[in-house]
Amino acid sequence: MLFIISIIHIFKKYKATKINSLLPLLLSAVLLFLVIERPFSPLFQHVEFSLKLDEREKVAGQILKGEIKASDENSDLFPVSKNLSDGNEVMKMGDKLLFFTVRGILDNFAGYVYSPDGSEPTNGDVQANIVEIKKLNKHWYFVSCT
């Protein structure tokens, strides 16, 4: 929409200001290129992960030591602060923990997996098909599952 307004601006103002009338079009083109070439979602995801890493590691240690108890005695879900995991719960999968970033209604989900030994999570660990997996550091992975 901004691109179209910029083109209209050129036709209306070109005779009077020539070069200055091209600035909105140039800025729109640069912004469009940045959005297509470098989507903002991964950037925000990286920043969010970095900002909350220390707190997530502290909670992971507490869960693995048994200091935080499961929501229900037959559950693998542990209550956490609402800003650490979508749905305010962390899922324990064997020795790994999943901090949700997107929690689907029936299936699709994504999140950060904490692996104490640094091993990559498998489909069996997350009990779903991993569509995307990205190692973030020694103990952390981002997974997207269906």
Protein backbone atom coordinates (compact mmCIF):
# COMPACT_ATOMS: atom_id res chain seq x y z
CA MET A 1 0.00 0.00 0.00
CA LEU A 2 2.83 2.36 0.91
CA PHE A 3 4.48 1.51 -2.40
CA ILE A 4 1.37 2.56 -4.36
CA ILE A 5 1.07 5.83 -2.41
CA SER A 6 4.73 6.54 -3.18
CA ILE A 7 4.15 6.12 -6.92
CA ILE A 8 1.14 8.46 -6.78
CA HIS A 9 3.27 10.97 -4.84
CA ILE A 10 5.89 10.93 -7.63
CA PHE A 11 3.34 11.82 -10.30
CA LYS A 12 1.86 14.63 -8.23
CA LYS A 13 5.08 16.20 -6.94
CA TYR A 14 7.78 15.33 -9.51
CA LYS A 15 7.66 18.61 -11.43
CA ALA A 16 8.03 20.72 -8.29
CA THR A 17 10.62 18.77 -6.27
CA LYS A 18 12.09 16.22 -8.73
CA ILE A 19 14.60 14.24 -6.58
CA ASN A 20 12.75 14.66 -3.26
CA SER A 21 9.62 13.16 -4.79
CA LEU A 22 11.53 9.90 -5.39
CA LEU A 23 12.49 9.44 -1.70
CA PRO A 24 9.23 7.78 -0.59
CA LEU A 25 9.48 5.29 -3.48
CA LEU A 26 13.12 4.56 -2.68
CA LEU A 27 12.38 4.03 1.03
CA SER A 28 9.43 1.77 0.17
CA ALA A 29 11.59 -0.31 -2.15
CA VAL A 30 14.31 -0.71 0.49
CA LEU A 31 11.74 -1.71 3.13
CA LEU A 32 10.12 -4.20 0.76
CA PHE A 33 13.52 -5.72 -0.03
CA LEU A 34 14.35 -6.07 3.68
CA VAL A 35 11.03 -7.73 4.50
CA ILE A 36 11.41 -10.23 1.66
CA GLU A 37 15.14 -10.87 2.05
CA ARG A 38 15.36 -10.87 5.86
CA PRO A 39 12.03 -11.63 7.55
CA PHE A 40 11.62 -10.08 10.99
CA SER A 41 10.22 -13.17 12.71
CA PRO A 42 13.58 -14.98 13.10
CA LEU A 43 15.16 -11.76 14.32
CA PHE A 44 12.49 -11.29 17.00
CA GLN A 45 12.77 -14.97 17.90
CA HIS A 46 16.54 -14.65 18.41
CA VAL A 47 16.14 -11.54 20.57
CA GLU A 48 13.37 -13.14 22.67
CA PHE A 49 15.45 -16.30 23.17
CA SER A 50 18.52 -14.31 24.22
CA LEU A 51 16.61 -12.10 26.66
CA LYS A 52 14.99 -15.03 28.47
CA LEU A 53 17.84 -17.57 28.25
CA ASP A 54 19.11 -17.17 31.83
CA GLU A 55 15.64 -17.47 33.33
CA ARG A 56 14.81 -20.52 31.17
CA GLU A 57 18.07 -22.22 32.20
CA LYS A 58 17.29 -21.55 35.88
CA VAL A 59 13.79 -23.07 35.49
CA ALA A 60 15.21 -26.04 33.52
CA GLY A 61 17.61 -26.75 36.39
CA GLN A 62 14.80 -26.53 38.94
CA ILE A 63 12.60 -28.93 36.98
CA LEU A 64 15.40 -31.45 36.45
CA LYS A 65 16.33 -31.30 40.17
CA GLY A 66 12.68 -31.82 41.17
CA GLU A 67 12.29 -28.38 42.75
CA ILE A 68 9.32 -27.58 40.50
CA LYS A 69 6.60 -30.23 40.57
CA ALA A 70 4.39 -31.33 37.68
CA SER A 71 0.92 -29.79 37.33
CA ASP A 72 -0.60 -33.24 37.93
CA GLU A 73 1.10 -36.36 39.28
CA ASN A 74 0.48 -38.21 35.97
CA SER A 75 1.55 -35.26 33.84
CA ASP A 76 4.75 -34.25 32.07
CA LEU A 77 3.72 -30.58 32.19
CA PHE A 78 5.32 -28.21 34.69
CA PRO A 79 3.92 -24.76 35.57
CA VAL A 80 6.20 -21.81 34.79
CA SER A 81 6.02 -18.04 34.51
CA LYS A 82 3.76 -16.93 31.67
CA ASN A 83 6.56 -15.16 29.84
CA LEU A 84 8.81 -18.24 29.52
CA SER A 85 6.52 -20.67 27.71
CA ASP A 86 3.26 -20.40 25.78
CA GLY A 87 0.48 -21.84 27.91
CA ASN A 88 2.56 -21.26 31.07
CA GLU A 89 3.82 -24.85 31.01
CA VAL A 90 7.02 -26.69 30.13
CA MET A 91 6.81 -30.26 28.85
CA LYS A 92 9.33 -32.82 30.10
CA MET A 93 10.31 -35.38 27.47
CA GLY A 94 12.64 -37.92 29.04
CA ASP A 95 15.72 -35.88 29.95
CA LYS A 96 14.75 -32.95 27.69
CA LEU A 97 12.44 -29.99 28.31
CA LEU A 98 10.27 -28.13 25.79
CA PHE A 99 9.50 -24.44 26.34
CA PHE A 100 6.64 -23.67 23.94
CA THR A 101 6.69 -20.60 21.69
CA VAL A 102 3.63 -21.64 19.66
CA ARG A 103 1.18 -24.16 21.01
CA GLY A 104 -1.25 -25.50 18.42
CA ILE A 105 -4.78 -26.52 19.24
CA LEU A 106 -4.52 -30.12 18.10
CA ASP A 107 -1.04 -30.68 16.79
CA ASN A 108 1.33 -28.07 15.35
CA PHE A 109 3.69 -26.54 17.91
CA ALA A 110 7.11 -24.95 18.18
CA GLY A 111 9.49 -24.15 20.97
CA TYR A 112 12.90 -24.29 22.56
CA VAL A 113 14.20 -27.68 23.67
CA TYR A 114 16.68 -27.82 26.53
CA SER A 115 18.95 -30.85 26.25
CA PRO A 116 21.21 -31.33 29.32
CA ASP A 117 23.70 -33.47 27.38
CA GLY A 118 23.46 -31.39 24.20
CA SER A 119 21.98 -34.21 22.11
CA GLU A 120 19.63 -33.22 19.31
CA PRO A 121 15.93 -33.89 20.02
CA THR A 122 14.29 -36.64 17.97
CA ASN A 123 10.73 -37.23 16.79
CA GLY A 124 10.39 -39.69 19.66
CA ASP A 125 11.49 -37.08 22.20
CA VAL A 126 8.86 -34.53 21.13
CA GLN A 127 6.26 -37.20 20.22
CA ALA A 128 5.66 -35.50 16.86
CA ASN A 129 7.26 -35.04 13.44
CA ILE A 130 9.98 -32.41 13.56
CA VAL A 131 9.65 -30.11 10.54
CA GLU A 132 12.45 -27.70 11.47
CA ILE A 133 15.29 -27.99 13.93
CA LYS A 134 17.99 -25.42 14.62
CA LYS A 135 20.78 -25.63 17.19
CA LEU A 136 20.95 -22.37 19.14
CA ASN A 137 23.83 -23.16 21.48
CA LYS A 138 25.39 -26.09 23.37
CA HIS A 139 22.18 -27.16 25.15
CA TRP A 140 19.36 -25.43 23.28
CA TYR A 141 17.48 -26.21 20.06
CA PHE A 142 14.55 -24.58 18.32
CA VAL A 143 12.05 -27.11 16.95
CA SER A 144 8.90 -26.74 14.89
CA CYS A 145 6.67 -29.82 14.82
CA THR A 146 3.53 -31.16 13.26
